[in-house]
Amino acid sequence: MLQYAGHHPAGDRLVYRGEPEGKWSAVWLAGDGTLAAVLAVDRPRDLVQGRRIIGAGSRLDAERLVDPQVPLRDCVV
C-alpha cells in the first residue's frame, strides 16, 4: 500500500525510515524542521501520524526520525 500526504517543494530535506526491501516511509522536512510531507509504503501509522503533525506545523527531531521503531508522534520536538 502506497500513501502520500502533504506537499514538499524542491530543496526540502528527505529522510528515510526503514529499509527499501520492506516497509518504509520517506519524510520531507522544511528548512525549519517542520514536517512537509510523508510517503508511506505499508506503514499506514506513519501516514496517519504524519497528517496530524503536518496539520499542527510541528518540528521533528531528525535523529529520532530515521529510526522506524520510533513512532512519528514521538519525534515531535
C-alpha atoms as a PDB file:
ATOM      1  CA  MET A   1       0.000   0.000   0.000  1.00  0.00           C
ATOM      2  CA  LEU A   2       1.429   3.378  -1.032  1.00  0.00           C
ATOM      3  CA  GLN A   3       0.090   6.564   0.606  1.00  0.00           C
ATOM      4  CA  TYR A   4       1.179  10.225   0.455  1.00  0.00           C
ATOM      5  CA  ALA A   5       0.217  13.319   2.439  1.00  0.00           C
ATOM      6  CA  GLY A   6       1.431  16.909   2.335  1.00  0.00           C
ATOM      7  CA  HIS A   7       3.437  18.849  -0.215  1.00  0.00           C
ATOM      8  CA  HIS A   8       7.188  19.193  -0.445  1.00  0.00           C
ATOM      9  CA  PRO A   9       8.852  21.854  -2.576  1.00  0.00           C
ATOM     10  CA  ALA A  10      12.235  21.177  -4.118  1.00  0.00           C
ATOM     11  CA  GLY A  11      15.053  21.556  -1.619  1.00  0.00           C
ATOM     12  CA  ASP A  12      13.269  20.110   1.411  1.00  0.00           C
ATOM     13  CA  ARG A  13      15.340  17.582   3.364  1.00  0.00           C
ATOM     14  CA  LEU A  14      14.481  13.949   2.601  1.00  0.00           C
ATOM     15  CA  VAL A  15      14.745  11.375   5.407  1.00  0.00           C
ATOM     16  CA  TYR A  16      14.058   7.632   5.019  1.00  0.00           C
ATOM     17  CA  ARG A  17      12.523   5.422   7.728  1.00  0.00           C
ATOM     18  CA  GLY A  18      13.060   1.685   7.275  1.00  0.00           C
ATOM     19  CA  GLU A  19      14.630  -0.366   4.500  1.00  0.00           C
ATOM     20  CA  PRO A  20      13.500  -0.346   0.855  1.00  0.00           C
ATOM     21  CA  GLU A  21      13.162  -4.143   0.859  1.00  0.00           C
ATOM     22  CA  GLY A  22      10.242  -3.998   3.287  1.00  0.00           C
ATOM     23  CA  LYS A  23       8.000  -1.453   4.938  1.00  0.00           C
ATOM     24  CA  TRP A  24       9.367   2.081   4.800  1.00  0.00           C
ATOM     25  CA  SER A  25       8.500   5.765   4.718  1.00  0.00           C
ATOM     26  CA  ALA A  26      10.074   8.847   3.253  1.00  0.00           C
ATOM     27  CA  VAL A  27       9.525  12.159   5.017  1.00  0.00           C
ATOM     28  CA  TRP A  28      10.375  15.652   3.858  1.00  0.00           C
ATOM     29  CA  LEU A  29      11.363  18.314   6.367  1.00  0.00           C
ATOM     30  CA  ALA A  30      11.146  22.022   5.593  1.00  0.00           C
ATOM     31  CA  GLY A  31      14.120  24.245   6.389  1.00  0.00           C
ATOM     32  CA  ASP A  32      12.750  24.998   9.858  1.00  0.00           C
ATOM     33  CA  GLY A  33      12.385  21.279  10.700  1.00  0.00           C
ATOM     34  CA  THR A  34       8.613  21.078  10.266  1.00  0.00           C
ATOM     35  CA  LEU A  35       7.162  18.058   8.532  1.00  0.00           C
ATOM     36  CA  ALA A  36       6.195  18.994   4.964  1.00  0.00           C
ATOM     37  CA  ALA A  37       5.180  15.600   3.527  1.00  0.00           C
ATOM     38  CA  VAL A  38       5.229  11.859   4.136  1.00  0.00           C
ATOM     39  CA  LEU A  39       5.210   8.940   1.692  1.00  0.00           C
ATOM     40  CA  ALA A  40       4.378   5.638   3.396  1.00  0.00           C
ATOM     41  CA  VAL A  41       4.843   2.172   1.898  1.00  0.00           C
ATOM     42  CA  ASP A  42       2.959  -0.380   4.019  1.00  0.00           C
ATOM     43  CA  ARG A  43       3.273   1.925   7.064  1.00  0.00           C
ATOM     44  CA  PRO A  44      -0.237   3.392   7.491  1.00  0.00           C
ATOM     45  CA  ARG A  45       0.546   4.571  11.040  1.00  0.00           C
ATOM     46  CA  ASP A  46       3.266   6.882   9.669  1.00  0.00           C
ATOM     47  CA  LEU A  47       0.716   8.395   7.293  1.00  0.00           C
ATOM     48  CA  VAL A  48      -1.946   8.955   9.972  1.00  0.00           C
ATOM     49  CA  GLN A  49       0.521  10.459  12.442  1.00  0.00           C
ATOM     50  CA  GLY A  50       2.216  12.429   9.661  1.00  0.00           C
ATOM     51  CA  ARG A  51      -1.061  14.104   8.635  1.00  0.00           C
ATOM     52  CA  ARG A  52      -1.641  15.248  12.213  1.00  0.00           C
ATOM     53  CA  ILE A  53       1.916  16.558  12.543  1.00  0.00           C
ATOM     54  CA  ILE A  54       1.701  18.409   9.219  1.00  0.00           C
ATOM     55  CA  GLY A  55      -1.606  19.981  10.300  1.00  0.00           C
ATOM     56  CA  ALA A  56      -0.126  21.084  13.619  1.00  0.00           C
ATOM     57  CA  GLY A  57       3.002  22.539  11.989  1.00  0.00           C
ATOM     58  CA  SER A  58       5.232  20.687  14.443  1.00  0.00           C
ATOM     59  CA  ARG A  59       9.016  20.357  14.157  1.00  0.00           C
ATOM     60  CA  LEU A  60      10.631  16.918  14.249  1.00  0.00           C
ATOM     61  CA  ASP A  61      13.884  15.579  15.675  1.00  0.00           C
ATOM     62  CA  ALA A  62      15.665  14.272  12.552  1.00  0.00           C
ATOM     63  CA  GLU A  63      17.925  11.940  14.562  1.00  0.00           C
ATOM     64  CA  ARG A  64      14.974  10.067  16.058  1.00  0.00           C
ATOM     65  CA  LEU A  65      13.069  10.246  12.794  1.00  0.00           C
ATOM     66  CA  VAL A  66      15.398   7.838  10.967  1.00  0.00           C
ATOM     67  CA  ASP A  67      14.581   5.003  13.399  1.00  0.00           C
ATOM     68  CA  PRO A  68      11.481   3.201  12.035  1.00  0.00           C
ATOM     69  CA  GLN A  69      10.833   1.740  15.508  1.00  0.00           C
ATOM     70  CA  VAL A  70      10.144   5.243  16.903  1.00  0.00           C
ATOM     71  CA  PRO A  71       6.599   6.437  16.087  1.00  0.00           C
ATOM     72  CA  LEU A  72       6.443   9.748  14.214  1.00  0.00           C
ATOM     73  CA  ARG A  73       4.496  11.327  17.062  1.00  0.00           C
ATOM     74  CA  ASP A  74       7.431  10.612  19.387  1.00  0.00           C
ATOM     75  CA  CYS A  75       9.777  12.561  17.081  1.00  0.00           C
ATOM     76  CA  VAL A  76       7.977  15.872  17.664  1.00  0.00           C
ATOM     77  CA  VAL A  77      10.240  18.413  19.324  1.00  0.00           C
END
